[in-house]
Protein backbone atom coordinates (compact mmCIF):
# COMPACT_ATOMS: atom_id res chain seq x y z
CA SER A 1 -0.30 25.69 -8.81
CA TYR A 2 1.38 27.11 -11.68
CA GLU A 3 1.84 25.76 -15.03
CA LYS A 4 2.87 27.24 -18.33
CA LYS A 5 3.21 25.49 -21.74
CA THR A 6 5.05 26.82 -24.69
CA LYS A 7 5.97 25.21 -28.20
CA THR A 8 9.49 24.16 -26.85
CA GLY A 9 8.49 22.93 -23.48
CA GLU A 10 6.63 23.11 -20.07
CA VAL A 11 7.14 24.57 -16.48
CA TYR A 12 5.09 23.86 -13.51
CA LEU A 13 4.98 24.66 -9.71
CA LYS A 14 2.65 22.90 -7.39
CA PRO A 15 2.59 23.58 -3.60
CA VAL A 16 0.66 21.31 -1.38
CA PHE A 17 0.01 21.92 2.49
CA SER A 18 -1.30 19.33 4.83
CA PHE A 19 -2.39 19.18 8.46
CA TYR A 20 -3.27 16.11 10.46
CA TYR A 21 -4.83 15.93 14.03
CA ASN A 22 -5.99 12.83 15.61
CA THR A 23 -6.97 11.65 19.13
CA ASN A 24 -7.28 8.08 19.65
CA ASN A 25 -8.55 5.99 22.63
CA SER A 26 -7.80 2.20 22.37
CA GLU A 27 -8.23 -0.92 24.35
CA GLY A 28 -6.97 -4.36 23.68
CA PHE A 29 -6.96 -7.86 24.97
CA CYS A 30 -4.72 -10.84 23.87
CA SER A 31 -4.35 -14.23 25.35
CA SER A 32 -1.94 -17.22 24.79
CA SER A 33 -2.87 -20.97 24.77
CA ASP A 34 -0.99 -24.02 24.17
CA GLU A 35 -1.82 -26.57 21.56
CA PHE A 36 -4.42 -28.17 23.78
CA GLY A 37 -6.37 -24.96 24.22
CA VAL A 38 -5.08 -24.45 27.88
CA LEU A 39 -4.82 -20.69 28.67
CA LYS A 40 -1.22 -19.72 29.71
CA SER A 41 -1.18 -15.93 29.96
CA THR A 42 -3.26 -12.68 29.18
CA ASN A 43 -2.36 -9.28 28.18
CA THR A 44 -4.61 -6.20 28.66
CA ASN A 45 -3.75 -2.71 27.39
CA SER A 46 -5.34 0.72 26.86
CA GLY A 47 -3.90 3.79 25.59
CA LEU A 48 -4.52 7.46 24.77
CA SER A 49 -2.87 9.33 22.14
CA ASP A 50 -2.71 12.70 20.51
CA ASP A 51 -1.06 13.06 17.14
CA LYS A 52 -0.29 16.17 15.18
CA ASN A 53 1.40 16.18 11.71
CA LYS A 54 1.95 19.04 9.36
CA SER A 55 3.90 19.32 6.12
CA ILE A 56 4.42 21.21 2.98
CA THR A 57 5.26 19.87 -0.33
CA ILE A 58 6.60 21.75 -3.16
CA ALA A 59 6.91 20.22 -6.64
CA GLY A 60 8.54 21.79 -9.58
CA GLY A 61 9.88 21.03 -13.04
CA TYR A 62 10.79 21.79 -16.49
CA ARG A 63 10.03 19.37 -19.51
CA LYS A 64 11.06 19.83 -23.11
CA SER A 65 10.41 17.53 -26.03
CA SER A 66 12.60 16.56 -28.84
CA PHE A 67 12.57 18.55 -32.19
CA PHE A 68 13.60 17.45 -35.63
CA ASN A 69 14.08 19.41 -38.71
CA ASN A 70 14.14 17.44 -42.23
CA GLY A 71 14.83 14.18 -40.22
CA ALA A 72 17.70 16.01 -38.30
CA LEU A 73 17.70 16.37 -34.56
CA THR A 74 17.75 20.05 -33.48
CA SER A 75 16.92 19.70 -29.83
CA ARG A 76 17.07 16.77 -27.33
CA SER A 77 14.45 16.01 -24.82
CA LEU A 78 14.86 16.98 -21.45
CA ASN A 79 13.05 16.40 -18.04
CA LEU A 80 13.85 18.07 -14.61
CA ASP A 81 11.56 17.47 -11.80
CA TYR A 82 12.35 18.44 -8.19
CA THR A 83 10.13 17.70 -5.10
CA VAL A 84 10.87 18.78 -1.54
CA THR A 85 8.68 17.94 1.48
CA LEU A 86 9.29 19.52 4.94
CA GLY A 87 7.41 18.14 7.87
CA ASP A 88 6.76 18.26 11.60
CA GLN A 89 5.35 15.35 13.63
CA GLN A 90 4.37 15.29 17.40
CA SER A 91 2.81 12.63 19.37
CA ASP A 92 1.78 12.34 23.01
CA GLN A 93 0.81 8.86 24.31
CA HIS A 94 -0.20 7.40 27.64
CA ASN A 95 -0.29 3.63 27.72
CA ARG A 96 -1.13 1.08 30.35
CA THR A 97 -0.32 -2.68 30.09
CA GLN A 98 -1.12 -5.68 32.51
CA PHE A 99 0.39 -8.89 31.69
CA ARG A 100 -0.78 -11.88 33.72
CA SER A 101 0.66 -15.40 33.79
CA LEU A 102 -1.63 -18.23 34.90
CA GLU A 103 1.31 -20.46 35.70
CA ASP A 104 3.57 -18.24 37.88
CA ALA A 105 2.29 -15.07 39.56
CA SER A 106 5.89 -13.77 39.77
CA GLU A 107 5.98 -13.35 35.99
CA ASN A 108 3.10 -10.76 36.17
CA LYS A 109 4.02 -7.44 34.92
CA HIS A 110 2.51 -3.84 35.03
CA PHE A 111 3.64 -1.08 32.76
CA GLU A 112 2.30 2.54 32.60
CA ARG A 113 4.41 4.78 30.30
CA THR A 114 4.09 8.14 28.73
CA TYR A 115 5.76 9.02 25.33
CA GLN A 116 6.33 12.42 24.20
CA LYS A 117 7.63 12.25 20.60
CA ALA A 118 8.73 15.00 18.44
CA SER A 119 10.24 14.94 14.97
CA ASN A 120 10.99 16.95 11.76
CA PHE A 121 12.11 15.93 8.33
CA ILE A 122 13.26 17.05 4.90
CA ASN A 123 12.64 14.60 2.00
CA GLN A 124 14.12 15.66 -1.43
CA ARG A 125 13.76 13.98 -4.79
CA ILE A 126 15.35 15.18 -8.03
CA VAL A 127 14.81 13.44 -11.29
CA PHE A 128 17.02 14.33 -14.43
CA GLU A 129 16.29 12.68 -17.72
CA VAL A 130 17.77 13.58 -21.22
CA GLY A 131 17.13 11.69 -24.50
CA GLN A 132 18.26 11.29 -28.02
CA LEU A 133 22.01 10.75 -26.89
CA ARG A 134 22.93 7.97 -29.37
CA GLU A 135 24.95 10.36 -31.64
CA LEU A 136 27.01 11.29 -28.55
CA PHE A 137 27.80 8.15 -26.87
CA LEU A 138 27.24 5.27 -29.46
CA LYS A 139 29.28 4.69 -32.44
CA ASP A 140 27.79 4.99 -35.97
CA ARG A 141 26.75 1.50 -36.43
CA LEU A 142 25.16 1.26 -32.90
CA SER A 143 23.68 4.70 -33.24
CA LYS A 144 21.52 3.50 -36.08
CA ILE A 145 20.32 0.50 -34.11
CA PHE A 146 19.47 2.04 -30.73
CA GLU A 147 18.07 5.03 -29.20
CA LEU A 148 19.80 5.98 -25.97
CA THR A 149 18.10 7.96 -22.77
CA PHE A 150 19.91 8.87 -19.59
CA GLU A 151 18.01 9.17 -16.25
CA ASN A 152 19.23 9.93 -12.81
CA THR A 153 17.15 9.91 -9.69
CA LEU A 154 18.42 11.23 -6.28
CA ASN A 155 16.27 10.72 -3.03
CA THR A 156 17.47 12.30 0.13
CA ASN A 157 16.12 12.06 3.62
CA VAL A 158 17.18 14.07 6.74
CA ARG A 159 15.18 13.50 10.08
CA LYS A 160 15.82 14.44 13.65
CA ARG A 161 13.87 13.07 16.51
CA ASP A 162 13.51 13.90 20.29
CA ASN A 163 11.50 11.24 22.23
CA LEU A 164 11.11 11.60 26.16
CA VAL A 165 9.71 8.47 27.75
CA ASN A 166 8.50 8.25 31.36
CA ASP A 167 7.59 5.39 33.62
CA ILE A 168 4.80 6.16 36.03
CA ASP A 169 5.07 4.61 39.65
CA SER A 170 1.96 2.72 40.45
CA VAL A 171 1.99 3.81 44.06
CA SER A 172 3.39 7.18 44.11
CA ARG A 173 2.13 8.07 40.64
CA GLU A 174 5.56 9.87 40.09
CA ALA A 175 7.09 9.84 36.57
CA LYS A 176 10.66 8.74 36.22
CA SER A 177 12.75 9.14 32.94
CA ASN A 178 13.24 5.96 31.17
CA SER A 179 16.82 6.63 29.58
CA SER A 180 16.74 3.34 27.80
CA LEU A 181 13.78 4.46 25.55
CA SER A 182 14.24 8.14 25.43
CA LEU A 183 16.01 9.28 22.22
CA ASN A 184 17.57 12.34 20.69
CA SER A 185 18.72 11.47 17.24
CA SER A 186 19.70 12.47 13.67
CA PHE A 187 19.45 10.47 10.55
CA GLN A 188 20.41 10.85 6.82
CA SER A 189 20.20 8.79 3.93
CA TYR A 190 20.85 9.09 0.17
CA THR A 191 19.87 6.87 -2.79
CA ASP A 192 20.95 7.50 -6.28
CA ASN A 193 19.94 5.57 -9.19
CA MET A 194 21.74 6.19 -12.57
CA SER A 195 20.57 4.41 -15.78
CA PHE A 196 20.78 4.17 -19.43
CA ASN A 197 17.98 3.16 -21.55
CA PHE A 198 18.77 1.54 -24.77
CA GLN A 199 15.54 1.36 -26.93
CA LYS A 200 14.74 -0.12 -30.18
CA HIS A 201 11.34 0.06 -32.03
CA PHE A 202 9.90 -1.97 -34.95
CA ASN A 203 6.86 -0.58 -36.57
CA LYS A 204 4.48 -1.55 -39.21
CA SER A 205 1.40 0.52 -39.74
CA LEU A 206 -0.97 1.71 -42.51
CA PRO A 207 -2.59 5.12 -41.99
CA ASN A 208 -6.20 5.04 -40.51
CA ARG A 209 -6.11 1.25 -40.50
CA TYR A 210 -3.77 -0.41 -37.96
CA SER A 211 -0.48 -0.04 -36.20
CA LYS A 212 1.92 -2.62 -34.81
CA THR A 213 4.94 -1.99 -32.60
CA VAL A 214 7.67 -4.11 -30.98
CA ALA A 215 9.66 -2.02 -28.35
CA LEU A 216 12.69 -3.52 -26.72
CA ASN A 217 14.19 -1.85 -23.72
CA LEU A 218 17.57 -2.60 -22.05
CA ILE A 219 18.30 -0.63 -18.93
CA PRO A 220 21.75 -1.10 -17.03
CA GLN A 221 21.36 0.66 -13.77
CA PHE A 222 23.67 1.44 -10.97
CA GLN A 223 22.40 2.36 -7.43
CA TYR A 224 24.45 4.09 -4.76
CA PHE A 225 23.14 4.00 -1.16
CA TYR A 226 24.32 5.71 1.95
CA GLN A 227 22.79 6.16 5.52
CA LYS A 228 23.94 7.36 8.72
CA HIS A 229 22.46 7.57 12.28
CA ARG A 230 23.50 8.91 15.62
CA SER A 231 21.99 9.11 19.07
CA GLU A 232 23.16 9.15 22.77
CA HIS A 233 22.96 5.33 22.54
CA ALA A 234 26.31 4.17 21.35
CA PHE A 235 24.90 1.05 19.75
CA GLN A 236 22.72 3.11 17.54
CA HIS A 237 25.78 4.65 15.59
CA ILE A 238 25.47 3.35 12.15
CA SER A 239 27.31 4.38 8.92
CA GLN A 240 26.53 2.29 5.73
CA ASN A 241 27.19 2.68 1.97
CA ASP A 242 26.73 0.29 -0.96
CA LEU A 243 27.04 0.30 -4.81
CA SER A 244 25.12 -2.10 -6.73
CA PHE A 245 24.38 -3.06 -10.40
CA LEU A 246 20.60 -3.60 -11.11
CA PRO A 247 19.62 -4.30 -14.69
CA LYS A 248 16.08 -4.08 -16.12
CA ALA A 249 14.80 -5.04 -19.55
CA SER A 250 11.42 -5.26 -21.16
CA ILE A 251 9.68 -6.48 -24.43
CA ASN A 252 6.41 -4.76 -25.54
CA TYR A 253 4.09 -5.50 -28.43
CA TYR A 254 1.45 -2.97 -29.20
CA HIS A 255 -1.43 -3.65 -31.82
CA SER A 256 -3.98 -1.08 -32.56
CA GLU A 257 -6.98 -1.43 -35.16
CA TYR A 258 -8.19 1.95 -35.42
CA GLY A 259 -11.70 2.42 -34.16
CA LYS A 260 -11.67 -1.36 -33.06
CA PHE A 261 -9.46 -2.20 -30.56
CA ASN A 262 -6.08 -1.71 -28.71
CA LYS A 263 -3.88 -4.67 -27.30
CA THR A 264 -0.68 -4.71 -25.34
CA TYR A 265 1.59 -7.50 -24.25
CA ARG A 266 4.34 -6.87 -22.09
CA LEU A 267 7.15 -8.93 -20.72
CA GLU A 268 9.67 -7.45 -18.22
CA TYR A 269 12.50 -8.39 -15.90
CA SER A 270 13.89 -6.14 -12.97
CA GLN A 271 16.13 -6.21 -10.01
CA GLN A 272 15.45 -3.99 -6.94
CA LYS A 273 17.71 -3.67 -3.98
CA GLU A 274 16.48 -2.40 -0.47
CA TYR A 275 18.19 -1.72 2.81
CA PRO A 276 17.00 -2.60 6.32
CA SER A 277 15.85 0.49 8.38
CA ILE A 278 17.39 1.84 11.50
CA GLU A 279 14.17 0.52 13.47
CA GLN A 280 15.37 -3.03 12.20
CA LEU A 281 19.02 -2.40 12.58
CA VAL A 282 19.15 -0.71 16.00
CA PRO A 283 15.79 -0.21 17.67
CA LEU A 284 15.30 0.76 21.43
CA THR A 285 13.63 -2.21 22.91
CA ASP A 286 10.19 -1.59 24.70
CA ASN A 287 9.15 -4.46 26.82
CA SER A 288 5.77 -3.10 27.79
CA ASN A 289 4.14 -5.61 25.28
CA GLN A 290 5.27 -8.93 26.49
CA TYR A 291 3.78 -10.72 23.44
CA TYR A 292 6.27 -8.75 21.03
CA ILE A 293 9.66 -7.72 22.39
CA TYR A 294 11.60 -6.53 19.46
CA VAL A 295 15.43 -6.34 19.63
CA ALA A 296 18.21 -5.09 17.47
CA ASN A 297 20.17 -6.95 14.81
CA PRO A 298 23.00 -4.54 13.57
CA ASP A 299 24.34 -7.30 11.25
CA LEU A 300 21.42 -7.22 8.80
CA LYS A 301 22.32 -7.29 5.17
CA PRO A 302 20.36 -5.61 2.11
CA TYR A 303 18.13 -7.83 0.12
CA THR A 304 17.50 -8.17 -3.58
CA THR A 305 14.35 -8.87 -5.38
CA GLU A 306 14.12 -10.30 -8.72
CA THR A 307 10.89 -9.96 -10.53
CA LEU A 308 9.59 -11.43 -13.75
CA ARG A 309 6.33 -9.99 -14.96
CA PHE A 310 4.03 -10.60 -18.00
CA SER A 311 0.79 -8.69 -18.55
CA ILE A 312 -1.89 -8.50 -21.29
CA SER A 313 -4.47 -5.85 -21.69
CA ASN A 314 -7.23 -5.36 -24.33
CA TYR A 315 -9.61 -2.28 -24.84
CA ARG A 316 -12.20 -2.86 -27.58
CA GLN A 317 -14.06 0.04 -28.95
CA GLU A 318 -16.38 -1.62 -31.71
CA GLY A 319 -19.67 -3.53 -31.18
CA LYS A 320 -22.69 -3.13 -28.99
CA HIS A 321 -21.27 -5.30 -26.25
CA PRO A 322 -17.42 -4.52 -25.99
CA LEU A 323 -15.48 -6.95 -23.79
CA ASN A 324 -12.28 -5.38 -22.14
CA TYR A 325 -9.89 -7.14 -19.82
CA ASN A 326 -6.27 -6.97 -18.51
CA PHE A 327 -4.26 -9.68 -16.78
CA THR A 328 -0.74 -9.81 -14.82
CA LEU A 329 1.31 -12.77 -13.92
CA LYS A 330 4.18 -12.08 -11.76
CA ALA A 331 7.05 -14.24 -10.21
CA SER A 332 9.59 -13.05 -7.95
CA GLN A 333 12.21 -14.21 -5.48
CA ILE A 334 14.18 -12.30 -2.79
CA LYS A 335 17.87 -13.07 -1.85
CA ASN A 336 18.74 -12.33 1.81
CA THR A 337 14.99 -11.47 2.50
CA LEU A 338 14.28 -10.03 5.97
CA THR A 339 12.21 -12.41 8.16
CA ASP A 340 11.42 -12.75 11.74
CA SER A 341 13.26 -14.98 14.21
CA THR A 342 11.05 -15.48 17.26
CA SER A 343 11.54 -17.10 20.50
CA ILE A 344 8.37 -18.10 22.41
CA ASP A 345 8.38 -19.27 25.98
CA ASP A 346 6.04 -21.60 27.83
CA ILE A 347 3.67 -18.80 28.75
CA GLY A 348 3.51 -17.24 25.22
CA ARG A 349 5.95 -14.30 25.55
CA ARG A 350 7.79 -13.59 22.18
CA ILE A 351 11.12 -12.00 21.73
CA SER A 352 11.64 -11.24 17.96
CA SER A 353 14.39 -9.82 15.79
CA THR A 354 14.83 -9.42 11.96
CA VAL A 355 17.21 -11.63 10.31
CA ASN A 356 18.47 -12.37 6.79
CA ILE A 357 17.44 -15.68 4.99
CA ASN A 358 16.88 -17.21 1.49
CA GLY A 359 13.96 -19.05 0.21
CA ASN A 360 11.24 -16.21 -0.30
CA ARG A 361 9.30 -16.83 -3.37
CA GLU A 362 6.05 -15.41 -4.67
CA LEU A 363 3.78 -16.28 -7.62
CA SER A 364 0.71 -13.90 -8.20
CA PHE A 365 -1.98 -13.13 -10.57
CA GLN A 366 -4.55 -10.40 -10.84
CA GLY A 367 -6.88 -9.58 -13.62
CA ASN A 368 -10.21 -7.90 -14.47
CA ILE A 369 -12.83 -8.25 -17.03
CA ASN A 370 -15.74 -5.77 -18.06
CA LYS A 371 -18.44 -6.36 -20.28
CA ALA A 372 -21.55 -4.26 -21.10
CA TYR A 373 -24.82 -4.74 -22.90
CA LYS A 374 -26.97 -2.08 -23.89
CA MET A 375 -30.70 -2.40 -25.06
CA LYS A 376 -32.32 0.78 -25.89
CA ASP A 377 -32.96 2.32 -22.62
CA ASN A 378 -31.65 -0.61 -20.53
CA GLN A 379 -28.07 -1.27 -19.74
CA LEU A 380 -26.34 -4.36 -18.10
CA GLN A 381 -22.85 -4.13 -16.76
CA LEU A 382 -20.83 -7.12 -15.70
CA SER A 383 -17.33 -6.76 -14.24
CA SER A 384 -15.14 -8.93 -12.14
CA TYR A 385 -11.78 -8.70 -10.46
CA LEU A 386 -9.54 -11.49 -9.25
CA TYR A 387 -6.15 -11.72 -7.45
CA SER A 388 -4.37 -14.58 -6.06
CA THR A 389 -0.87 -14.97 -4.29
CA TYR A 390 1.15 -17.81 -3.54
CA LEU A 391 4.10 -17.37 -1.05
CA ASP A 392 7.00 -19.26 0.40
CA GLN A 393 7.99 -17.55 3.50
CA PRO A 394 10.72 -18.81 5.76
CA SER A 395 11.18 -17.88 9.24
CA TYR A 396 12.72 -19.12 12.60
CA ILE A 397 10.74 -20.07 15.54
CA ASN A 398 12.82 -20.92 18.69
CA SER A 399 15.90 -21.13 16.62
CA LEU A 400 14.35 -23.77 14.30
CA LEU A 401 13.54 -23.24 10.46
CA ASN A 402 9.85 -22.85 9.87
CA LEU A 403 8.43 -22.57 6.29
CA SER A 404 5.16 -21.18 5.73
CA ASN A 405 3.19 -21.77 2.42
CA THR A 406 0.49 -19.18 2.08
CA PHE A 407 -2.28 -18.95 -0.46
CA ARG A 408 -4.36 -15.79 -0.65
CA LEU A 409 -7.25 -15.28 -3.01
CA GLY A 410 -9.39 -12.19 -3.34
CA SER A 411 -12.29 -11.45 -5.87
CA ASN A 412 -15.04 -9.08 -6.70
CA PHE A 413 -18.07 -9.79 -8.85
CA ASP A 414 -20.51 -6.94 -9.85
CA VAL A 415 -23.78 -7.08 -11.77
CA GLN A 416 -25.36 -3.72 -12.36
CA TYR A 417 -28.59 -3.01 -14.25
CA SER A 418 -29.98 0.57 -15.03
CA PHE A 419 -32.85 2.00 -16.81
CA LYS A 420 -32.25 5.51 -18.25
CA ASP A 421 -31.18 7.56 -15.24
CA LEU A 422 -34.17 6.63 -13.20
CA PHE A 423 -33.40 3.42 -11.78
CA ILE A 424 -30.14 1.39 -10.72
CA LEU A 425 -29.95 -2.07 -9.25
CA LYS A 426 -26.63 -3.47 -8.29
CA THR A 427 -25.50 -6.69 -6.62
CA THR A 428 -21.92 -7.50 -5.52
CA TYR A 429 -20.08 -10.59 -4.18
CA SER A 430 -16.68 -9.96 -2.63
CA THR A 431 -14.43 -12.43 -0.78
CA TYR A 432 -11.11 -12.67 0.76
CA SER A 433 -9.43 -15.76 1.97
CA SER A 434 -6.08 -16.79 3.38
CA ARG A 435 -4.61 -20.24 4.09
CA ALA A 436 -0.99 -20.63 5.69
CA LYS A 437 0.38 -24.17 6.23
CA GLN A 438 3.42 -24.51 8.49
CA ARG A 439 6.19 -26.92 8.00
CA GLY A 440 9.12 -27.19 10.26
CA THR A 441 8.66 -26.35 14.01
CA GLN A 442 4.94 -27.19 13.46
CA ASN A 443 2.35 -28.40 11.31
CA SER A 444 -0.21 -25.94 11.85
CA ILE A 445 -2.84 -24.69 9.29
CA TYR A 446 -4.22 -21.26 9.79
CA LYS A 447 -7.39 -19.95 7.73
CA ALA A 448 -9.09 -16.80 7.57
CA SER A 449 -11.90 -15.44 5.18
CA ASN A 450 -14.11 -12.43 4.81
CA ASN A 451 -17.31 -12.72 2.43
CA THR A 452 -19.79 -10.14 1.48
CA VAL A 453 -22.84 -9.95 -0.61
CA SER A 454 -24.50 -6.66 -1.07
CA LEU A 455 -27.52 -5.39 -2.91
CA SER A 456 -27.97 -1.67 -3.49
CA SER A 457 -30.60 0.21 -5.46
CA SER A 458 -31.45 3.77 -6.22
CA TYR A 459 -34.69 5.23 -7.77
CA LYS A 460 -35.40 8.74 -8.85
CA MET A 461 -38.94 9.20 -7.99
CA ASN A 462 -39.16 12.57 -9.76
CA PRO A 463 -36.55 15.04 -10.97
CA ARG A 464 -35.94 16.41 -7.50
CA LEU A 465 -36.34 13.22 -5.17
CA THR A 466 -34.08 10.21 -5.12
CA VAL A 467 -34.31 7.26 -2.74
CA ASN A 468 -31.49 4.59 -2.25
CA SER A 469 -30.91 1.49 -0.16
CA ASN A 470 -27.84 -0.69 0.48
CA ILE A 471 -27.86 -3.83 2.43
CA ASN A 472 -24.73 -6.10 3.10
CA PHE A 473 -24.70 -9.52 4.42
CA GLN A 474 -21.28 -9.95 6.02
CA SER A 475 -19.45 -13.42 6.94
CA ASN A 476 -16.21 -13.71 8.85
CA GLU A 477 -14.63 -17.21 9.38
CA SER A 478 -11.16 -17.93 10.81
CA SER A 479 -9.34 -21.05 12.58
CA GLN A 480 -9.67 -21.37 16.35
CA LEU A 481 -12.24 -18.31 16.44
CA GLU A 482 -15.79 -18.35 16.45
CA ASP A 483 -17.68 -17.51 13.05
CA GLN A 484 -19.21 -13.94 12.93
CA HIS A 485 -22.19 -13.30 10.85
CA PHE A 486 -24.09 -10.03 10.43
CA THR A 487 -26.28 -7.73 8.25
CA LEU A 488 -25.58 -3.89 7.55
CA TRP A 489 -28.58 -2.05 6.01
CA ASN A 490 -28.37 1.62 4.99
CA ALA A 491 -31.05 3.68 3.29
CA GLY A 492 -31.37 7.28 2.52
CA MET A 493 -32.99 9.98 0.27
CA ASN A 494 -32.00 13.32 -1.17
CA TYR A 495 -33.97 16.17 -2.42
CA ARG A 496 -33.11 19.06 -4.68
CA PHE A 497 -34.48 22.65 -3.90
CA LEU A 498 -34.57 25.94 -5.92
CA LYS A 499 -35.25 26.58 -9.44
CA GLU A 500 -31.73 25.45 -10.79
CA LYS A 501 -31.82 22.33 -8.31
CA THR A 502 -28.51 23.79 -6.74
CA LEU A 503 -29.53 23.11 -2.92
CA GLU A 504 -29.61 19.55 -1.92
CA PHE A 505 -30.89 18.17 1.31
CA LYS A 506 -29.79 14.55 2.13
CA PHE A 507 -31.02 12.22 4.91
CA THR A 508 -29.15 9.04 5.64
CA ALA A 509 -30.05 6.12 7.93
CA LEU A 510 -27.00 3.88 8.80
CA ASP A 511 -27.09 0.33 10.30
CA MET A 512 -30.95 0.06 10.83
CA LEU A 513 -30.59 -3.52 11.93
CA ARG A 514 -27.96 -2.40 14.76
CA GLN A 515 -25.76 -5.26 13.78
CA ASN A 516 -22.41 -3.63 12.74
CA LYS A 517 -19.53 -5.39 14.46
CA GLY A 518 -16.62 -3.87 12.66
CA ILE A 519 -14.83 -7.17 12.22
CA ARG A 520 -12.11 -7.94 9.74
CA ASN A 521 -10.06 -11.17 9.53
CA SER A 522 -6.46 -11.52 8.04
CA GLY A 523 -3.93 -14.30 7.89
CA ASN A 524 -0.02 -14.20 7.97
CA LEU A 525 2.65 -16.74 7.88
CA ASN A 526 2.32 -17.63 11.89
CA GLY A 527 -1.29 -17.14 12.44
CA VAL A 528 -4.56 -15.39 11.95
CA THR A 529 -5.75 -12.10 13.23
CA ARG A 530 -9.35 -10.76 13.99
CA THR A 531 -9.51 -6.88 14.05
CA THR A 532 -12.63 -5.44 15.84
CA SER A 533 -13.08 -1.90 15.51
CA ASN A 534 -15.16 0.38 17.63
CA VAL A 535 -18.20 1.55 15.29
CA LEU A 536 -21.36 3.48 15.59
CA GLN A 537 -24.49 1.57 15.52
CA GLN A 538 -27.87 2.86 13.93
CA TYR A 539 -27.24 6.41 13.44
CA PHE A 540 -28.61 9.08 11.21
CA MET A 541 -27.08 11.86 9.25
CA CYS A 542 -28.63 14.91 7.69
CA THR A 543 -26.64 17.12 5.32
CA LEU A 544 -27.23 20.36 3.40
CA ALA A 545 -25.03 21.14 0.32
CA TYR A 546 -25.13 23.88 -2.23
CA TYR A 547 -23.87 23.62 -5.68
CA PRO A 548 -23.30 27.06 -7.37
CA ARG A 549 -23.15 25.53 -11.00
CA LYS A 550 -26.32 24.47 -12.68
CA ILE A 551 -27.03 20.72 -12.48
CA GLY A 552 -28.81 19.01 -15.37
CA LYS A 553 -30.48 20.74 -18.30
């Protein structure tokens, strides 16, 4: 990267190269039962995929601050940032799916498909901002009240895709092109946001004592959106454009007592408009997963999110046991939100599409508190993090309105004790829970939770040798699924060699009890999901690292 700073401004250039390669072998099993637990159908799938992604990102810009001479403006602030990303993606997949109906054997289906996907894209982002514009655009009276900043952000995306899909005959093993899923397409989109920020500050301060500031921001913003998609499938020819007014406003209060604390209070309102993707408007329907057949809806409309957010933060510097915290409370509603419309037949097959609907609301809270106690060579640190979300999410099931009231709660509590740099003992309790209650087509309740209690320690036996241990007690519970409980115990040691301790040997023993199950529960508006990942059980690692710089005194 390159960066040059002068008295008048700054110039920078940062290139980033990335390459990603992944081979994945997966197996899955799903089943569908009625409300009495009677099994109706099963779906078994397996797949092998090879993915290669490479990209280059170049970011550059110029930034200049405002300058005043005897109170008179001599130079306006100016920021210009440009980012471009060029990428290439390739994916080869071979999937097999076996769907079996326990009621009607004629509904049994077998799919074996190969997918050869290739795409390339160019994404660009240009941000232009200039400040101190009040003398140019505001009359004398207004120019004394407000400061004015102009900002324009332009995002562009150009993408080309070439997908070849073949069906493999189960008898002859011949590959036949699937023209309904194969694709050669081009896509381009532009989003331009232009805004004026009217700012007013009220300040009261005493040098080296305190500072109090109230900052008002009123931001009228205009957004222009355009997207175009073309392919050999006529129904995928899409051209859309839209112009919207999306205002923002905020009130900020800053209170600082020098050497004691900094407090911030912020209240803000914003509107954001987003647009359905091509994959939601006109997707190609792949029926190999009978439990989720997704179909097109070209009549989708954009959706607007209104958000009101209040936040408090406190950073205290004085005292032996400082208490720091921050909290955020957010309320939002979405007009014309995108939701699922799902039809489910008697054996559990689902056909889904995305539709617009009103009534999506969210209320959320998150915050963390940190406090430390220091007593000579001993230190005790307490920290906690909490978030909760309440959601009203409407959807359609078999053409009937279904409302899901979802409550999610997550928390993390840490207690850490340390003695000098010789010994550390830390205990952590973390939990995640989700509860979704249905009203409308059904009155089901879906629950899911993950709870972990961990105890970790580290002991420096001498200046060169350190041993450590970590044990986790994991509990996973969910509706209609068997509870899972297991314990993970990892331990290790590391030793420093050479006179300057620059060579480190590290030995680690993982999952010493052979109990790792790789299980995670999650909940959504229509059910619970248990994800089980293939993981290694009880394995050992040895690493050797060299640090060219001196470590310690």
